[in-house]
């Protein structure tokens, strides 16, 4: 894991320098509503430390990865997604990752079709 970056939007949100609609937080992660929601519930869960993507997070800190996934589950419960939700890490430009700080999308509140892409 690397030090927080002043160029990274999510590092700045974690630091409190950029406002966000925070819905939950833990020792390892922060969860906030996506500014461009793709479902009625669309929350991003980010590790507090800067890591480029989900795979890098798993390699650098399994505890932080578990913290992100665990907080995603708490958010889903808090948001009333008992019927189901989707949790997605987009990794790389080809997958649509636009902020290169690991983040887990939590989608719910409507039927989610398969395949997703």
PDB file of N, CA and C in Angstrom:
ATOM      1  N   UNK A   1       0.848  -1.168   0.000  1.00  0.00           N
ATOM      2  CA  UNK A   1       0.000   0.000   0.000  1.00  0.00           C
ATOM      3  C   UNK A   1       0.892   1.227   0.000  1.00  0.00           C
ATOM      4  N   UNK A   2       0.386   2.257  -0.605  1.00  0.00           N
ATOM      5  CA  UNK A   2       1.181   3.472  -0.676  1.00  0.00           C
ATOM      6  C   UNK A   2       0.542   4.564   0.180  1.00  0.00           C
ATOM      7  N   UNK A   3       1.286   5.623   0.320  1.00  0.00           N
ATOM      8  CA  UNK A   3       0.807   6.767   1.093  1.00  0.00           C
ATOM      9  C   UNK A   3      -0.356   7.432   0.367  1.00  0.00           C
ATOM     10  N   UNK A   4      -1.250   8.087   1.109  1.00  0.00           N
ATOM     11  CA  UNK A   4      -2.342   8.826   0.453  1.00  0.00           C
ATOM     12  C   UNK A   4      -1.792   9.831  -0.545  1.00  0.00           C
ATOM     13  N   UNK A   5      -2.517   9.999  -1.624  1.00  0.00           N
ATOM     14  CA  UNK A   5      -2.097  10.901  -2.687  1.00  0.00           C
ATOM     15  C   UNK A   5      -3.002  12.126  -2.722  1.00  0.00           C
ATOM     16  N   UNK A   6      -2.408  13.296  -2.811  1.00  0.00           N
ATOM     17  CA  UNK A   6      -3.215  14.520  -2.920  1.00  0.00           C
ATOM     18  C   UNK A   6      -3.889  14.601  -4.285  1.00  0.00           C
ATOM     19  N   UNK A   7      -3.420  13.791  -5.252  1.00  0.00           N
ATOM     20  CA  UNK A   7      -4.024  13.749  -6.584  1.00  0.00           C
ATOM     21  C   UNK A   7      -5.191  12.774  -6.659  1.00  0.00           C
ATOM     22  N   UNK A   8      -5.342  11.917  -5.644  1.00  0.00           N
ATOM     23  CA  UNK A   8      -6.361  10.872  -5.669  1.00  0.00           C
ATOM     24  C   UNK A   8      -7.650  11.367  -5.008  1.00  0.00           C
ATOM     25  N   UNK A   9      -8.730  11.369  -5.765  1.00  0.00           N
ATOM     26  CA  UNK A   9     -10.024  11.824  -5.248  1.00  0.00           C
ATOM     27  C   UNK A   9     -10.433  11.042  -4.009  1.00  0.00           C
ATOM     28  N   UNK A  10     -10.307   9.720  -4.037  1.00  0.00           N
ATOM     29  CA  UNK A  10     -10.774   8.928  -2.902  1.00  0.00           C
ATOM     30  C   UNK A  10      -9.884   9.115  -1.682  1.00  0.00           C
ATOM     31  N   UNK A  11      -8.580   9.332  -1.860  1.00  0.00           N
ATOM     32  CA  UNK A  11      -7.717   9.667  -0.725  1.00  0.00           C
ATOM     33  C   UNK A  11      -8.180  10.970  -0.093  1.00  0.00           C
ATOM     34  N   UNK A  12      -8.564  11.924  -0.924  1.00  0.00           N
ATOM     35  CA  UNK A  12      -9.018  13.221  -0.422  1.00  0.00           C
ATOM     36  C   UNK A  12     -10.361  13.101   0.303  1.00  0.00           C
ATOM     37  N   UNK A  13     -11.235  12.188  -0.168  1.00  0.00           N
ATOM     38  CA  UNK A  13     -12.501  11.936   0.528  1.00  0.00           C
ATOM     39  C   UNK A  13     -12.221  11.284   1.875  1.00  0.00           C
ATOM     40  N   UNK A  14     -11.366  10.279   1.909  1.00  0.00           N
ATOM     41  CA  UNK A  14     -11.018   9.604   3.164  1.00  0.00           C
ATOM     42  C   UNK A  14     -10.436  10.600   4.161  1.00  0.00           C
ATOM     43  N   UNK A  15      -9.615  11.531   3.679  1.00  0.00           N
ATOM     44  CA  UNK A  15      -8.991  12.531   4.547  1.00  0.00           C
ATOM     45  C   UNK A  15      -9.979  13.607   5.009  1.00  0.00           C
ATOM     46  N   UNK A  16     -11.146  13.666   4.389  1.00  0.00           N
ATOM     47  CA  UNK A  16     -12.134  14.685   4.750  1.00  0.00           C
ATOM     48  C   UNK A  16     -11.947  15.995   4.013  1.00  0.00           C
ATOM     49  N   UNK A  17     -11.070  16.015   3.021  1.00  0.00           N
ATOM     50  CA  UNK A  17     -10.802  17.230   2.249  1.00  0.00           C
ATOM     51  C   UNK A  17     -11.831  17.474   1.157  1.00  0.00           C
ATOM     52  N   UNK A  18     -12.526  16.418   0.736  1.00  0.00           N
ATOM     53  CA  UNK A  18     -13.586  16.516  -0.268  1.00  0.00           C
ATOM     54  C   UNK A  18     -14.845  15.942   0.374  1.00  0.00           C
ATOM     55  N   UNK A  19     -15.953  16.679   0.334  1.00  0.00           N
ATOM     56  CA  UNK A  19     -17.174  16.180   0.971  1.00  0.00           C
ATOM     57  C   UNK A  19     -17.740  14.964   0.233  1.00  0.00           C
ATOM     58  N   UNK A  20     -18.359  14.095   1.011  1.00  0.00           N
ATOM     59  CA  UNK A  20     -19.030  12.920   0.459  1.00  0.00           C
ATOM     60  C   UNK A  20     -20.189  12.567   1.390  1.00  0.00           C
ATOM     61  N   UNK A  21     -21.172  11.873   0.849  1.00  0.00           N
ATOM     62  CA  UNK A  21     -22.312  11.404   1.636  1.00  0.00           C
ATOM     63  C   UNK A  21     -21.921  10.060   2.255  1.00  0.00           C
ATOM     64  N   UNK A  22     -21.230  10.127   3.384  1.00  0.00           N
ATOM     65  CA  UNK A  22     -20.712   8.932   4.055  1.00  0.00           C
ATOM     66  C   UNK A  22     -21.871   8.191   4.719  1.00  0.00           C
ATOM     67  N   UNK A  23     -21.942   6.871   4.475  1.00  0.00           N
ATOM     68  CA  UNK A  23     -23.007   6.061   5.054  1.00  0.00           C
ATOM     69  C   UNK A  23     -22.497   5.099   6.120  1.00  0.00           C
ATOM     70  N   UNK A  24     -21.192   4.804   6.117  1.00  0.00           N
ATOM     71  CA  UNK A  24     -20.622   3.897   7.124  1.00  0.00           C
ATOM     72  C   UNK A  24     -19.105   4.014   7.075  1.00  0.00           C
ATOM     73  N   UNK A  25     -18.480   3.615   8.178  1.00  0.00           N
ATOM     74  CA  UNK A  25     -17.021   3.580   8.197  1.00  0.00           C
ATOM     75  C   UNK A  25     -16.550   2.577   9.221  1.00  0.00           C
ATOM     76  N   UNK A  26     -15.311   2.149   9.051  1.00  0.00           N
ATOM     77  CA  UNK A  26     -14.688   1.201   9.954  1.00  0.00           C
ATOM     78  C   UNK A  26     -13.207   1.529  10.045  1.00  0.00           C
ATOM     79  N   UNK A  27     -12.504   0.719  10.781  1.00  0.00           N
ATOM     80  CA  UNK A  27     -11.057   0.902  10.919  1.00  0.00           C
ATOM     81  C   UNK A  27     -10.354   0.881   9.557  1.00  0.00           C
ATOM     82  N   UNK A  28     -10.814   0.009   8.668  1.00  0.00           N
ATOM     83  CA  UNK A  28     -10.135  -0.195   7.391  1.00  0.00           C
ATOM     84  C   UNK A  28     -10.767   0.509   6.195  1.00  0.00           C
ATOM     85  N   UNK A  29     -12.019   0.960   6.313  1.00  0.00           N
ATOM     86  CA  UNK A  29     -12.720   1.407   5.110  1.00  0.00           C
ATOM     87  C   UNK A  29     -13.718   2.529   5.396  1.00  0.00           C
ATOM     88  N   UNK A  30     -14.096   3.190   4.300  1.00  0.00           N
ATOM     89  CA  UNK A  30     -15.087   4.257   4.324  1.00  0.00           C
ATOM     90  C   UNK A  30     -16.088   3.965   3.208  1.00  0.00           C
ATOM     91  N   UNK A  31     -17.377   4.137   3.485  1.00  0.00           N
ATOM     92  CA  UNK A  31     -18.424   3.901   2.493  1.00  0.00           C
ATOM     93  C   UNK A  31     -19.208   5.184   2.266  1.00  0.00           C
ATOM     94  N   UNK A  32     -19.406   5.534   0.997  1.00  0.00           N
ATOM     95  CA  UNK A  32     -20.133   6.752   0.655  1.00  0.00           C
ATOM     96  C   UNK A  32     -20.915   6.543  -0.624  1.00  0.00           C
ATOM     97  N   UNK A  33     -21.964   7.340  -0.797  1.00  0.00           N
ATOM     98  CA  UNK A  33     -22.821   7.216  -1.977  1.00  0.00           C
ATOM     99  C   UNK A  33     -22.090   7.693  -3.231  1.00  0.00           C
ATOM    100  N   UNK A  34     -22.288   6.950  -4.313  1.00  0.00           N
ATOM    101  CA  UNK A  34     -21.706   7.323  -5.600  1.00  0.00           C
ATOM    102  C   UNK A  34     -22.417   8.574  -6.113  1.00  0.00           C
ATOM    103  N   UNK A  35     -21.661   9.524  -6.665  1.00  0.00           N
ATOM    104  CA  UNK A  35     -22.262  10.762  -7.172  1.00  0.00           C
ATOM    105  C   UNK A  35     -22.981  10.549  -8.504  1.00  0.00           C
ATOM    106  N   UNK A  36     -22.742   9.402  -9.151  1.00  0.00           N
ATOM    107  CA  UNK A  36     -23.410   9.074 -10.410  1.00  0.00           C
ATOM    108  C   UNK A  36     -24.020   7.677 -10.271  1.00  0.00           C
ATOM    109  N   UNK A  37     -25.063   7.532  -9.450  1.00  0.00           N
ATOM    110  CA  UNK A  37     -25.581   6.199  -9.135  1.00  0.00           C
ATOM    111  C   UNK A  37     -26.129   5.462 -10.354  1.00  0.00           C
ATOM    112  N   UNK A  38     -25.832   4.158 -10.392  1.00  0.00           N
ATOM    113  CA  UNK A  38     -26.294   3.294 -11.474  1.00  0.00           C
ATOM    114  C   UNK A  38     -27.399   2.352 -11.008  1.00  0.00           C
ATOM    115  N   UNK A  39     -27.843   2.514  -9.772  1.00  0.00           N
ATOM    116  CA  UNK A  39     -28.942   1.743  -9.192  1.00  0.00           C
ATOM    117  C   UNK A  39     -29.515   2.591  -8.059  1.00  0.00           C
ATOM    118  N   UNK A  40     -30.723   2.263  -7.590  1.00  0.00           N
ATOM    119  CA  UNK A  40     -31.286   3.044  -6.491  1.00  0.00           C
ATOM    120  C   UNK A  40     -30.350   3.133  -5.279  1.00  0.00           C
ATOM    121  N   UNK A  41     -29.657   2.046  -4.974  1.00  0.00           N
ATOM    122  CA  UNK A  41     -28.589   2.081  -3.974  1.00  0.00           C
ATOM    123  C   UNK A  41     -27.284   1.844  -4.711  1.00  0.00           C
ATOM    124  N   UNK A  42     -26.363   2.789  -4.602  1.00  0.00           N
ATOM    125  CA  UNK A  42     -25.039   2.661  -5.217  1.00  0.00           C
ATOM    126  C   UNK A  42     -24.055   3.336  -4.272  1.00  0.00           C
ATOM    127  N   UNK A  43     -23.353   2.508  -3.525  1.00  0.00           N
ATOM    128  CA  UNK A  43     -22.400   2.977  -2.528  1.00  0.00           C
ATOM    129  C   UNK A  43     -21.016   2.462  -2.900  1.00  0.00           C
ATOM    130  N   UNK A  44     -20.008   3.294  -2.700  1.00  0.00           N
ATOM    131  CA  UNK A  44     -18.619   2.890  -2.898  1.00  0.00           C
ATOM    132  C   UNK A  44     -17.994   2.634  -1.535  1.00  0.00           C
ATOM    133  N   UNK A  45     -17.264   1.537  -1.424  1.00  0.00           N
ATOM    134  CA  UNK A  45     -16.539   1.218  -0.195  1.00  0.00           C
ATOM    135  C   UNK A  45     -15.061   1.220  -0.566  1.00  0.00           C
ATOM    136  N   UNK A  46     -14.296   2.108   0.072  1.00  0.00           N
ATOM    137  CA  UNK A  46     -12.884   2.282  -0.260  1.00  0.00           C
ATOM    138  C   UNK A  46     -12.011   1.985   0.956  1.00  0.00           C
ATOM    139  N   UNK A  47     -10.836   1.400   0.728  1.00  0.00           N
ATOM    140  CA  UNK A  47      -9.910   1.253   1.848  1.00  0.00           C
ATOM    141  C   UNK A  47      -9.374   2.622   2.248  1.00  0.00           C
ATOM    142  N   UNK A  48      -9.045   2.776   3.502  1.00  0.00           N
ATOM    143  CA  UNK A  48      -8.512   4.048   3.980  1.00  0.00           C
ATOM    144  C   UNK A  48      -7.123   4.324   3.406  1.00  0.00           C
ATOM    145  N   UNK A  49      -6.412   3.283   3.034  1.00  0.00           N
ATOM    146  CA  UNK A  49      -5.077   3.458   2.474  1.00  0.00           C
ATOM    147  C   UNK A  49      -5.148   3.368   0.953  1.00  0.00           C
ATOM    148  N   UNK A  50      -4.233   4.081   0.294  1.00  0.00           N
ATOM    149  CA  UNK A  50      -4.230   4.102  -1.170  1.00  0.00           C
ATOM    150  C   UNK A  50      -3.632   2.821  -1.740  1.00  0.00           C
ATOM    151  N   UNK A  51      -4.453   2.128  -2.507  1.00  0.00           N
ATOM    152  CA  UNK A  51      -4.046   0.947  -3.265  1.00  0.00           C
ATOM    153  C   UNK A  51      -4.781   1.048  -4.593  1.00  0.00           C
ATOM    154  N   UNK A  52      -4.122   0.695  -5.692  1.00  0.00           N
ATOM    155  CA  UNK A  52      -4.680   0.955  -7.023  1.00  0.00           C
ATOM    156  C   UNK A  52      -5.970   0.205  -7.344  1.00  0.00           C
ATOM    157  N   UNK A  53      -6.090  -1.059  -6.926  1.00  0.00           N
ATOM    158  CA  UNK A  53      -7.269  -1.845  -7.293  1.00  0.00           C
ATOM    159  C   UNK A  53      -7.486  -2.976  -6.295  1.00  0.00           C
ATOM    160  N   UNK A  54      -8.557  -3.719  -6.489  1.00  0.00           N
ATOM    161  CA  UNK A  54      -8.917  -4.783  -5.560  1.00  0.00           C
ATOM    162  C   UNK A  54      -7.877  -5.878  -5.452  1.00  0.00           C
ATOM    163  N   UNK A  55      -7.281  -6.275  -6.576  1.00  0.00           N
ATOM    164  CA  UNK A  55      -6.257  -7.327  -6.543  1.00  0.00           C
ATOM    165  C   UNK A  55      -5.021  -6.856  -5.776  1.00  0.00           C
ATOM    166  N   UNK A  56      -4.627  -5.610  -5.999  1.00  0.00           N
ATOM    167  CA  UNK A  56      -3.482  -5.059  -5.270  1.00  0.00           C
ATOM    168  C   UNK A  56      -3.792  -4.962  -3.782  1.00  0.00           C
ATOM    169  N   UNK A  57      -5.040  -4.664  -3.443  1.00  0.00           N
ATOM    170  CA  UNK A  57      -5.436  -4.600  -2.044  1.00  0.00           C
ATOM    171  C   UNK A  57      -5.321  -5.974  -1.398  1.00  0.00           C
ATOM    172  N   UNK A  58      -5.767  -7.007  -2.094  1.00  0.00           N
ATOM    173  CA  UNK A  58      -5.677  -8.375  -1.566  1.00  0.00           C
ATOM    174  C   UNK A  58      -4.228  -8.772  -1.325  1.00  0.00           C
ATOM    175  N   UNK A  59      -3.337  -8.387  -2.247  1.00  0.00           N
ATOM    176  CA  UNK A  59      -1.921  -8.727  -2.104  1.00  0.00           C
ATOM    177  C   UNK A  59      -1.264  -7.934  -0.985  1.00  0.00           C
ATOM    178  N   UNK A  60      -1.637  -6.668  -0.848  1.00  0.00           N
ATOM    179  CA  UNK A  60      -0.984  -5.787   0.125  1.00  0.00           C
ATOM    180  C   UNK A  60      -1.498  -5.989   1.541  1.00  0.00           C
ATOM    181  N   UNK A  61      -2.799  -6.220   1.680  1.00  0.00           N
ATOM    182  CA  UNK A  61      -3.375  -6.312   3.028  1.00  0.00           C
ATOM    183  C   UNK A  61      -4.678  -7.108   3.012  1.00  0.00           C
ATOM    184  N   UNK A  62      -4.590  -8.414   3.236  1.00  0.00           N
ATOM    185  CA  UNK A  62      -5.824  -9.202   3.321  1.00  0.00           C
ATOM    186  C   UNK A  62      -6.783  -8.656   4.385  1.00  0.00           C
ATOM    187  N   UNK A  63      -6.262  -8.098   5.470  1.00  0.00           N
ATOM    188  CA  UNK A  63      -7.128  -7.540   6.514  1.00  0.00           C
ATOM    189  C   UNK A  63      -7.904  -6.340   5.987  1.00  0.00           C
ATOM    190  N   UNK A  64      -7.260  -5.496   5.193  1.00  0.00           N
ATOM    191  CA  UNK A  64      -7.950  -4.337   4.624  1.00  0.00           C
ATOM    192  C   UNK A  64      -8.999  -4.793   3.613  1.00  0.00           C
ATOM    193  N   UNK A  65      -8.669  -5.812   2.802  1.00  0.00           N
ATOM    194  CA  UNK A  65      -9.652  -6.343   1.851  1.00  0.00           C
ATOM    195  C   UNK A  65     -10.858  -6.891   2.609  1.00  0.00           C
ATOM    196  N   UNK A  66     -10.606  -7.648   3.667  1.00  0.00           N
ATOM    197  CA  UNK A  66     -11.712  -8.178   4.474  1.00  0.00           C
ATOM    198  C   UNK A  66     -12.521  -7.032   5.081  1.00  0.00           C
ATOM    199  N   UNK A  67     -11.851  -5.965   5.480  1.00  0.00           N
ATOM    200  CA  UNK A  67     -12.548  -4.808   6.034  1.00  0.00           C
ATOM    201  C   UNK A  67     -13.453  -4.142   5.018  1.00  0.00           C
ATOM    202  N   UNK A  68     -12.990  -4.037   3.770  1.00  0.00           N
ATOM    203  CA  UNK A  68     -13.795  -3.436   2.696  1.00  0.00           C
ATOM    204  C   UNK A  68     -15.016  -4.310   2.415  1.00  0.00           C
ATOM    205  N   UNK A  69     -14.800  -5.618   2.260  1.00  0.00           N
ATOM    206  CA  UNK A  69     -15.906  -6.521   1.943  1.00  0.00           C
ATOM    207  C   UNK A  69     -16.880  -6.604   3.120  1.00  0.00           C
ATOM    208  N   UNK A  70     -16.363  -6.644   4.332  1.00  0.00           N
ATOM    209  CA  UNK A  70     -17.227  -6.675   5.508  1.00  0.00           C
ATOM    210  C   UNK A  70     -18.076  -5.431   5.637  1.00  0.00           C
ATOM    211  N   UNK A  71     -17.477  -4.266   5.392  1.00  0.00           N
ATOM    212  CA  UNK A  71     -18.241  -3.024   5.460  1.00  0.00           C
ATOM    213  C   UNK A  71     -19.291  -2.976   4.354  1.00  0.00           C
ATOM    214  N   UNK A  72     -18.983  -3.542   3.189  1.00  0.00           N
ATOM    215  CA  UNK A  72     -19.974  -3.614   2.108  1.00  0.00           C
ATOM    216  C   UNK A  72     -21.194  -4.408   2.565  1.00  0.00           C
ATOM    217  N   UNK A  73     -20.973  -5.503   3.265  1.00  0.00           N
ATOM    218  CA  UNK A  73     -22.088  -6.289   3.789  1.00  0.00           C
ATOM    219  C   UNK A  73     -22.908  -5.511   4.803  1.00  0.00           C
ATOM    220  N   UNK A  74     -22.236  -4.752   5.659  1.00  0.00           N
ATOM    221  CA  UNK A  74     -22.938  -3.917   6.636  1.00  0.00           C
ATOM    222  C   UNK A  74     -23.768  -2.852   5.936  1.00  0.00           C
ATOM    223  N   UNK A  75     -23.209  -2.247   4.899  1.00  0.00           N
ATOM    224  CA  UNK A  75     -23.929  -1.227   4.137  1.00  0.00           C
ATOM    225  C   UNK A  75     -25.176  -1.841   3.496  1.00  0.00           C
ATOM    226  N   UNK A  76     -25.032  -3.024   2.896  1.00  0.00           N
ATOM    227  CA  UNK A  76     -26.175  -3.677   2.258  1.00  0.00           C
ATOM    228  C   UNK A  76     -27.289  -3.929   3.272  1.00  0.00           C
ATOM    229  N   UNK A  77     -26.924  -4.381   4.451  1.00  0.00           N
ATOM    230  CA  UNK A  77     -27.928  -4.616   5.492  1.00  0.00           C
ATOM    231  C   UNK A  77     -28.572  -3.303   5.925  1.00  0.00           C
ATOM    232  N   UNK A  78     -27.748  -2.299   6.158  1.00  0.00           N
ATOM    233  CA  UNK A  78     -28.230  -0.974   6.584  1.00  0.00           C
ATOM    234  C   UNK A  78     -29.168  -0.357   5.540  1.00  0.00           C
ATOM    235  N   UNK A  79     -28.877  -0.596   4.261  1.00  0.00           N
ATOM    236  CA  UNK A  79     -29.668  -0.011   3.171  1.00  0.00           C
ATOM    237  C   UNK A  79     -30.903  -0.839   2.822  1.00  0.00           C
ATOM    238  N   UNK A  80     -31.130  -1.936   3.551  1.00  0.00           N
ATOM    239  CA  UNK A  80     -32.327  -2.746   3.336  1.00  0.00           C
ATOM    240  C   UNK A  80     -32.284  -3.610   2.092  1.00  0.00           C
ATOM    241  N   UNK A  81     -31.107  -4.118   1.747  1.00  0.00           N
ATOM    242  CA  UNK A  81     -30.959  -4.917   0.536  1.00  0.00           C
ATOM    243  C   UNK A  81     -31.050  -6.418   0.823  1.00  0.00           C
ATOM    244  N   UNK A  82     -32.030  -6.817   1.642  1.00  0.00           N
ATOM    245  CA  UNK A  82     -32.195  -8.217   2.019  1.00  0.00           C
ATOM    246  C   UNK A  82     -32.488  -9.112   0.817  1.00  0.00           C
ATOM    247  N   UNK A  83     -33.104  -8.542  -0.241  1.00  0.00           N
ATOM    248  CA  UNK A  83     -33.421  -9.329  -1.434  1.00  0.00           C
ATOM    249  C   UNK A  83     -32.189  -9.602  -2.292  1.00  0.00           C
ATOM    250  N   UNK A  84     -31.099  -8.901  -2.019  1.00  0.00           N
ATOM    251  CA  UNK A  84     -29.865  -9.133  -2.754  1.00  0.00           C
ATOM    252  C   UNK A  84     -29.201  -7.848  -3.179  1.00  0.00           C
ATOM    253  N   UNK A  85     -27.916  -7.975  -3.415  1.00  0.00           N
ATOM    254  CA  UNK A  85     -27.113  -6.846  -3.881  1.00  0.00           C
ATOM    255  C   UNK A  85     -25.938  -7.387  -4.662  1.00  0.00           C
ATOM    256  N   UNK A  86     -25.291  -6.517  -5.372  1.00  0.00           N
ATOM    257  CA  UNK A  86     -24.097  -6.887  -6.132  1.00  0.00           C
ATOM    258  C   UNK A  86     -22.940  -6.061  -5.608  1.00  0.00           C
ATOM    259  N   UNK A  87     -21.785  -6.712  -5.442  1.00  0.00           N
ATOM    260  CA  UNK A  87     -20.561  -6.035  -5.024  1.00  0.00           C
ATOM    261  C   UNK A  87     -19.529  -6.256  -6.127  1.00  0.00           C
ATOM    262  N   UNK A  88     -18.969  -5.160  -6.663  1.00  0.00           N
ATOM    263  CA  UNK A  88     -18.112  -5.234  -7.852  1.00  0.00           C
ATOM    264  C   UNK A  88     -16.867  -4.385  -7.681  1.00  0.00           C
ATOM    265  N   UNK A  89     -15.707  -4.988  -7.953  1.00  0.00           N
ATOM    266  CA  UNK A  89     -14.459  -4.245  -8.129  1.00  0.00           C
ATOM    267  C   UNK A  89     -14.230  -4.131  -9.632  1.00  0.00           C
ATOM    268  N   UNK A  90     -14.169  -2.924 -10.173  1.00  0.00           N
ATOM    269  CA  UNK A  90     -13.737  -2.729 -11.555  1.00  0.00           C
ATOM    270  C   UNK A  90     -12.220  -2.559 -11.495  1.00  0.00           C
ATOM    271  N   UNK A  91     -11.507  -3.342 -12.309  1.00  0.00           N
ATOM    272  CA  UNK A  91     -10.047  -3.310 -12.263  1.00  0.00           C
ATOM    273  C   UNK A  91      -9.501  -2.997 -13.645  1.00  0.00           C
ATOM    274  N   UNK A  92      -8.957  -1.805 -13.791  1.00  0.00           N
ATOM    275  CA  UNK A  92      -8.357  -1.390 -15.056  1.00  0.00           C
ATOM    276  C   UNK A  92      -9.310  -0.598 -15.929  1.00  0.00           C
ATOM    277  N   UNK A  93      -8.725   0.122 -16.862  1.00  0.00           N
ATOM    278  CA  UNK A  93      -9.483   0.981 -17.774  1.00  0.00           C
ATOM    279  C   UNK A  93     -10.502   0.175 -18.560  1.00  0.00           C
ATOM    280  N   UNK A  94     -10.109  -1.018 -19.034  1.00  0.00           N
ATOM    281  CA  UNK A  94     -11.005  -1.846 -19.828  1.00  0.00           C
ATOM    282  C   UNK A  94     -12.244  -2.300 -19.087  1.00  0.00           C
ATOM    283  N   UNK A  95     -12.191  -2.286 -17.765  1.00  0.00           N
ATOM    284  CA  UNK A  95     -13.343  -2.675 -16.944  1.00  0.00           C
ATOM    285  C   UNK A  95     -14.123  -1.452 -16.464  1.00  0.00           C
ATOM    286  N   UNK A  96     -13.672  -0.267 -16.850  1.00  0.00           N
ATOM    287  CA  UNK A  96     -14.383   0.946 -16.471  1.00  0.00           C
ATOM    288  C   UNK A  96     -13.869   1.629 -15.219  1.00  0.00           C
ATOM    289  N   UNK A  97     -12.710   1.201 -14.701  1.00  0.00           N
ATOM    290  CA  UNK A  97     -12.158   1.879 -13.524  1.00  0.00           C
ATOM    291  C   UNK A  97     -11.670   3.258 -13.946  1.00  0.00           C
ATOM    292  N   UNK A  98     -12.166   4.286 -13.255  1.00  0.00           N
ATOM    293  CA  UNK A  98     -11.771   5.654 -13.586  1.00  0.00           C
ATOM    294  C   UNK A  98     -11.016   6.333 -12.451  1.00  0.00           C
ATOM    295  N   UNK A  99     -11.177   5.836 -11.230  1.00  0.00           N
ATOM    296  CA  UNK A  99     -10.402   6.335 -10.091  1.00  0.00           C
ATOM    297  C   UNK A  99      -9.522   5.183  -9.642  1.00  0.00           C
ATOM    298  N   UNK A 100      -8.215   5.374  -9.688  1.00  0.00           N
ATOM    299  CA  UNK A 100      -7.286   4.286  -9.418  1.00  0.00           C
ATOM    300  C   UNK A 100      -6.893   4.219  -7.951  1.00  0.00           C
ATOM    301  N   UNK A 101      -7.942   4.068  -7.145  1.00  0.00           N
ATOM    302  CA  UNK A 101      -7.890   3.779  -5.715  1.00  0.00           C
ATOM    303  C   UNK A 101      -8.927   2.675  -5.567  1.00  0.00           C
ATOM    304  N   UNK A 102      -8.537   1.523  -5.035  1.00  0.00           N
ATOM    305  CA  UNK A 102      -9.465   0.396  -4.932  1.00  0.00           C
ATOM    306  C   UNK A 102     -10.809   0.859  -4.385  1.00  0.00           C
ATOM    307  N   UNK A 103     -11.875   0.370  -4.984  1.00  0.00           N
ATOM    308  CA  UNK A 103     -13.210   0.667  -4.477  1.00  0.00           C
ATOM    309  C   UNK A 103     -14.173  -0.429  -4.904  1.00  0.00           C
ATOM    310  N   UNK A 104     -15.002  -0.808  -3.959  1.00  0.00           N
ATOM    311  CA  UNK A 104     -15.996  -1.842  -4.173  1.00  0.00           C
ATOM    312  C   UNK A 104     -17.358  -1.160  -4.325  1.00  0.00           C
ATOM    313  N   UNK A 105     -17.982  -1.368  -5.472  1.00  0.00           N
ATOM    314  CA  UNK A 105     -19.323  -0.822  -5.711  1.00  0.00           C
ATOM    315  C   UNK A 105     -20.339  -1.759  -5.067  1.00  0.00           C
ATOM    316  N   UNK A 106     -21.296  -1.202  -4.345  1.00  0.00           N
ATOM    317  CA  UNK A 106     -22.424  -1.961  -3.799  1.00  0.00           C
ATOM    318  C   UNK A 106     -23.671  -1.447  -4.502  1.00  0.00           C
ATOM    319  N   UNK A 107     -24.282  -2.331  -5.313  1.00  0.00           N
ATOM    320  CA  UNK A 107     -25.479  -1.981  -6.079  1.00  0.00           C
ATOM    321  C   UNK A 107     -26.678  -2.742  -5.528  1.00  0.00           C
ATOM    322  N   UNK A 108     -27.840  -2.095  -5.484  1.00  0.00           N
ATOM    323  CA  UNK A 108     -29.050  -2.789  -5.086  1.00  0.00           C
ATOM    324  C   UNK A 108     -30.259  -1.900  -5.226  1.00  0.00           C
ATOM    325  N   UNK A 109     -31.394  -2.433  -4.801  1.00  0.00           N
ATOM    326  CA  UNK A 109     -32.630  -1.662  -4.838  1.00  0.00           C
ATOM    327  C   UNK A 109     -33.434  -1.855  -6.119  1.00  0.00           C
ATOM    328  N   UNK A 110     -32.970  -2.716  -7.010  1.00  0.00           N
ATOM    329  CA  UNK A 110     -33.716  -3.072  -8.222  1.00  0.00           C
ATOM    330  C   UNK A 110     -33.212  -4.441  -8.665  1.00  0.00           C
ATOM    331  N   UNK A 111     -33.918  -5.073  -9.608  1.00  0.00           N
ATOM    332  CA  UNK A 111     -33.432  -6.331 -10.144  1.00  0.00           C
ATOM    333  C   UNK A 111     -32.163  -6.077 -10.932  1.00  0.00           C
ATOM    334  N   UNK A 112     -31.145  -6.860 -10.671  1.00  0.00           N
ATOM    335  CA  UNK A 112     -29.863  -6.735 -11.363  1.00  0.00           C
ATOM    336  C   UNK A 112     -29.742  -7.897 -12.348  1.00  0.00           C
ATOM    337  N   UNK A 113     -29.658  -7.560 -13.618  1.00  0.00           N
ATOM    338  CA  UNK A 113     -29.649  -8.590 -14.654  1.00  0.00           C
ATOM    339  C   UNK A 113     -28.278  -9.251 -14.762  1.00  0.00           C
ATOM    340  N   UNK A 114     -28.277 -10.414 -15.437  1.00  0.00           N
ATOM    341  CA  UNK A 114     -27.033 -11.151 -15.670  1.00  0.00           C
ATOM    342  C   UNK A 114     -27.045 -11.608 -17.103  1.00  0.00           C
ATOM    343  N   UNK A 115     -25.970 -11.505 -17.833  1.00  0.00           N
ATOM    344  CA  UNK A 115     -24.681 -10.983 -17.385  1.00  0.00           C
ATOM    345  C   UNK A 115     -24.713  -9.463 -17.243  1.00  0.00           C
ATOM    346  N   UNK A 116     -23.842  -8.923 -16.385  1.00  0.00           N
ATOM    347  CA  UNK A 116     -23.885  -7.504 -16.087  1.00  0.00           C
ATOM    348  C   UNK A 116     -23.356  -6.604 -17.189  1.00  0.00           C
ATOM    349  N   UNK A 117     -22.464  -7.072 -18.039  1.00  0.00           N
ATOM    350  CA  UNK A 117     -21.844  -6.211 -19.047  1.00  0.00           C
ATOM    351  C   UNK A 117     -22.514  -6.347 -20.331  1.00  0.00           C
TER     352      UNK A 117
END
